[in-house]
């Protein structure tokens, strides 16, 4: 990393200008460049991301990103049909897995969210159609890191609706981070090469 600008951008040694939050960690930079903010319409990826954002609560996303392969292995590739059948034995197995965040509430929420996912898809057709109804395609572009919100009216509404449908660890801030990462809102700072 060469320098951080006061507007929330970093000019890296490769000459690329990126959002400040990716720093100079190669994995985080790759995540910024290839995933974050790109529209996702795959139900399983959306479910996985909601679960991982729940695990991230109170931690850094970089911690979760580094553990993502272990999470995928531990949770059967985040296949909701499989995860919904996890039982107490699986919870104990997951609590002993050093590769993931071993928090009973978050593990149990992920299992419960798989069940809630299946109910939502049965009622609405897809998680994709459901969450994209809350997209903020006309949201104002952040011009500095101070402009990047932690919640939005849409994330508050989506959070409330998910909770009503039995989802856990989906507060407005968690849901907004999900929306940013899955492209439901474009929060790449103005001037970022990926905006």
Protein backbone atom coordinates (compact mmCIF):
# COMPACT_ATOMS: atom_id res chain seq x y z
CA UNK A 1 0.00 0.00 0.00
CA UNK A 2 1.40 3.37 -0.89
CA UNK A 3 -0.87 5.87 0.78
CA UNK A 4 -4.27 6.40 2.32
CA UNK A 5 -6.11 9.45 1.13
CA UNK A 6 -8.26 11.47 3.49
CA UNK A 7 -11.32 10.68 1.37
CA UNK A 8 -11.36 6.99 2.17
CA UNK A 9 -9.27 5.71 -0.71
CA UNK A 10 -5.97 3.87 -0.86
CA UNK A 11 -3.58 4.06 -3.78
CA UNK A 12 -1.81 0.72 -3.91
CA UNK A 13 1.62 -0.04 -5.32
CA UNK A 14 -0.03 -1.50 -8.44
CA UNK A 15 -1.46 1.97 -9.13
CA UNK A 16 -5.02 0.91 -8.37
CA UNK A 17 -7.19 3.12 -6.20
CA UNK A 18 -9.33 1.13 -3.76
CA UNK A 19 -11.63 1.67 -0.80
CA UNK A 20 -9.68 2.21 2.42
CA UNK A 21 -11.08 -0.78 4.29
CA UNK A 22 -9.24 -3.45 2.31
CA UNK A 23 -5.86 -2.18 3.48
CA UNK A 24 -2.95 -4.10 2.02
CA UNK A 25 -3.81 -7.68 3.03
CA UNK A 26 -3.69 -9.66 -0.25
CA UNK A 27 -6.79 -11.70 0.59
CA UNK A 28 -8.77 -8.62 1.55
CA UNK A 29 -7.64 -6.77 -1.57
CA UNK A 30 -8.70 -9.73 -3.73
CA UNK A 31 -12.07 -9.83 -1.94
CA UNK A 32 -12.54 -6.10 -2.60
CA UNK A 33 -11.58 -6.48 -6.26
CA UNK A 34 -13.48 -9.63 -7.17
CA UNK A 35 -16.42 -10.00 -4.79
CA UNK A 36 -17.45 -7.05 -2.63
CA UNK A 37 -20.23 -5.00 -4.17
CA UNK A 38 -20.74 -7.24 -7.20
CA UNK A 39 -24.40 -8.18 -7.64
CA UNK A 40 -25.11 -11.74 -6.54
CA UNK A 41 -28.31 -13.56 -7.50
CA UNK A 42 -27.45 -17.09 -6.40
CA UNK A 43 -29.61 -18.22 -3.48
CA UNK A 44 -26.93 -20.38 -1.89
CA UNK A 45 -24.33 -17.62 -1.98
CA UNK A 46 -26.85 -15.19 -0.51
CA UNK A 47 -27.69 -17.62 2.29
CA UNK A 48 -24.00 -18.27 2.97
CA UNK A 49 -23.25 -14.56 3.16
CA UNK A 50 -26.12 -13.85 5.56
CA UNK A 51 -24.79 -16.62 7.80
CA UNK A 52 -21.18 -15.45 7.60
CA UNK A 53 -22.20 -11.86 8.31
CA UNK A 54 -23.93 -13.20 11.44
CA UNK A 55 -20.70 -14.93 12.49
CA UNK A 56 -18.84 -11.68 11.83
CA UNK A 57 -20.88 -9.74 14.43
CA UNK A 58 -18.37 -8.40 16.94
CA UNK A 59 -15.40 -9.51 14.84
CA UNK A 60 -13.62 -8.24 11.74
CA UNK A 61 -14.73 -9.42 8.30
CA UNK A 62 -11.11 -10.30 7.56
CA UNK A 63 -11.24 -12.90 10.36
CA UNK A 64 -14.32 -14.50 8.77
CA UNK A 65 -12.87 -14.25 5.27
CA UNK A 66 -9.77 -16.15 6.37
CA UNK A 67 -11.96 -18.82 7.97
CA UNK A 68 -14.45 -19.03 5.09
CA UNK A 69 -13.04 -22.27 3.63
CA UNK A 70 -13.34 -23.94 7.04
CA UNK A 71 -16.87 -22.58 7.45
CA UNK A 72 -17.83 -23.99 4.06
CA UNK A 73 -16.46 -27.40 4.97
CA UNK A 74 -18.08 -27.38 8.42
CA UNK A 75 -21.50 -26.30 7.12
CA UNK A 76 -21.74 -28.62 4.10
CA UNK A 77 -21.03 -25.84 1.62
CA UNK A 78 -23.87 -23.85 3.20
CA UNK A 79 -26.46 -26.10 1.58
CA UNK A 80 -29.59 -25.12 3.54
CA UNK A 81 -31.24 -28.49 2.95
CA UNK A 82 -28.32 -30.21 4.68
CA UNK A 83 -27.74 -27.58 7.38
CA UNK A 84 -31.44 -27.59 8.34
CA UNK A 85 -31.02 -31.25 9.37
CA UNK A 86 -28.09 -30.56 11.70
CA UNK A 87 -28.81 -31.66 15.26
CA UNK A 88 -27.20 -31.49 18.69
CA UNK A 89 -24.40 -33.82 17.62
CA UNK A 90 -23.57 -31.44 14.77
CA UNK A 91 -23.62 -28.47 17.14
CA UNK A 92 -21.08 -30.23 19.37
CA UNK A 93 -18.95 -31.10 16.32
CA UNK A 94 -18.99 -27.46 15.24
CA UNK A 95 -18.17 -26.21 18.74
CA UNK A 96 -15.00 -28.30 18.64
CA UNK A 97 -13.97 -27.10 15.17
CA UNK A 98 -11.02 -24.74 15.65
CA UNK A 99 -11.26 -23.58 12.04
CA UNK A 100 -14.48 -21.63 12.58
CA UNK A 101 -15.87 -19.17 15.12
CA UNK A 102 -17.08 -21.44 17.91
CA UNK A 103 -20.04 -19.52 19.24
CA UNK A 104 -23.04 -21.68 20.17
CA UNK A 105 -25.60 -18.93 19.51
CA UNK A 106 -24.22 -18.21 16.06
CA UNK A 107 -23.95 -21.90 15.17
CA UNK A 108 -27.52 -22.55 16.29
CA UNK A 109 -28.68 -19.44 14.43
CA UNK A 110 -27.08 -20.73 11.20
CA UNK A 111 -28.96 -24.01 11.57
CA UNK A 112 -32.20 -22.17 12.35
CA UNK A 113 -31.60 -19.80 9.45
CA UNK A 114 -31.35 -22.81 7.11
CA UNK A 115 -34.85 -23.82 8.20
CA UNK A 116 -36.06 -20.23 7.83
CA UNK A 117 -34.44 -20.11 4.38
CA UNK A 118 -36.37 -23.20 3.25
CA UNK A 119 -39.65 -21.69 4.52
CA UNK A 120 -38.92 -18.36 2.84
CA UNK A 121 -38.11 -20.00 -0.50
CA UNK A 122 -41.28 -22.11 -0.29
CA UNK A 123 -43.31 -18.94 0.30
CA UNK A 124 -41.49 -16.43 -1.93
CA UNK A 125 -39.88 -18.54 -4.66
CA UNK A 126 -36.28 -17.55 -3.96
CA UNK A 127 -34.10 -15.71 -1.49
CA UNK A 128 -32.75 -13.77 -4.47
CA UNK A 129 -36.10 -12.25 -5.41
CA UNK A 130 -36.89 -11.59 -1.76
CA UNK A 131 -33.72 -9.69 -0.82
CA UNK A 132 -33.36 -7.85 -4.13
CA UNK A 133 -36.71 -6.19 -3.51
CA UNK A 134 -34.73 -4.15 -0.93
CA UNK A 135 -31.90 -3.12 -3.27
CA UNK A 136 -30.79 0.51 -3.17
CA UNK A 137 -29.76 1.04 -6.76
CA UNK A 138 -30.25 4.82 -6.50
CA UNK A 139 -28.48 5.29 -3.15
CA UNK A 140 -26.16 8.29 -3.05
CA UNK A 141 -22.57 7.40 -3.81
CA UNK A 142 -20.25 7.83 -0.80
CA UNK A 143 -17.59 10.43 -1.53
CA UNK A 144 -15.52 9.64 1.57
CA UNK A 145 -15.33 7.01 4.28
CA UNK A 146 -17.44 9.31 6.47
CA UNK A 147 -20.31 8.94 3.96
CA UNK A 148 -20.45 5.14 4.19
CA UNK A 149 -23.45 4.23 6.30
CA UNK A 150 -23.73 1.35 8.75
CA UNK A 151 -27.47 0.94 8.18
CA UNK A 152 -30.11 2.23 5.81
CA UNK A 153 -33.90 2.36 5.70
CA UNK A 154 -33.83 -0.70 3.43
CA UNK A 155 -31.55 -2.69 5.74
CA UNK A 156 -33.82 -1.86 8.66
CA UNK A 157 -36.88 -3.08 6.75
CA UNK A 158 -35.15 -6.22 5.45
CA UNK A 159 -33.80 -7.01 8.93
CA UNK A 160 -37.27 -6.68 10.43
CA UNK A 161 -38.82 -8.90 7.76
CA UNK A 162 -36.14 -11.58 8.13
CA UNK A 163 -36.61 -11.60 11.90
CA UNK A 164 -40.37 -11.96 11.47
CA UNK A 165 -39.62 -15.02 9.34
CA UNK A 166 -37.46 -16.61 12.04
CA UNK A 167 -33.95 -15.52 11.01
CA UNK A 168 -31.40 -14.67 13.72
CA UNK A 169 -28.23 -12.55 13.77
CA UNK A 170 -29.71 -10.36 11.04
CA UNK A 171 -29.79 -6.94 12.68
CA UNK A 172 -29.86 -3.81 10.50
CA UNK A 173 -26.06 -3.36 10.57
CA UNK A 174 -25.42 -7.00 9.70
CA UNK A 175 -27.99 -6.83 6.92
CA UNK A 176 -26.48 -3.61 5.57
CA UNK A 177 -23.03 -5.26 5.42
CA UNK A 178 -24.70 -8.13 3.54
CA UNK A 179 -26.32 -5.65 1.13
CA UNK A 180 -22.98 -3.93 0.50
CA UNK A 181 -21.12 -7.14 -0.16
CA UNK A 182 -23.79 -8.72 -2.37
CA UNK A 183 -24.21 -5.62 -4.53
CA UNK A 184 -27.66 -4.54 -3.31
CA UNK A 185 -26.08 -1.17 -2.68
CA UNK A 186 -22.89 0.21 -4.24
CA UNK A 187 -20.75 1.59 -1.43
CA UNK A 188 -17.44 1.68 -3.26
CA UNK A 189 -16.26 5.21 -2.52
CA UNK A 190 -16.29 7.64 -5.45
CA UNK A 191 -12.81 7.44 -6.96
CA UNK A 192 -12.38 3.73 -6.26
CA UNK A 193 -11.46 1.95 -9.48
CA UNK A 194 -14.18 -0.63 -8.75
CA UNK A 195 -17.00 1.94 -8.35
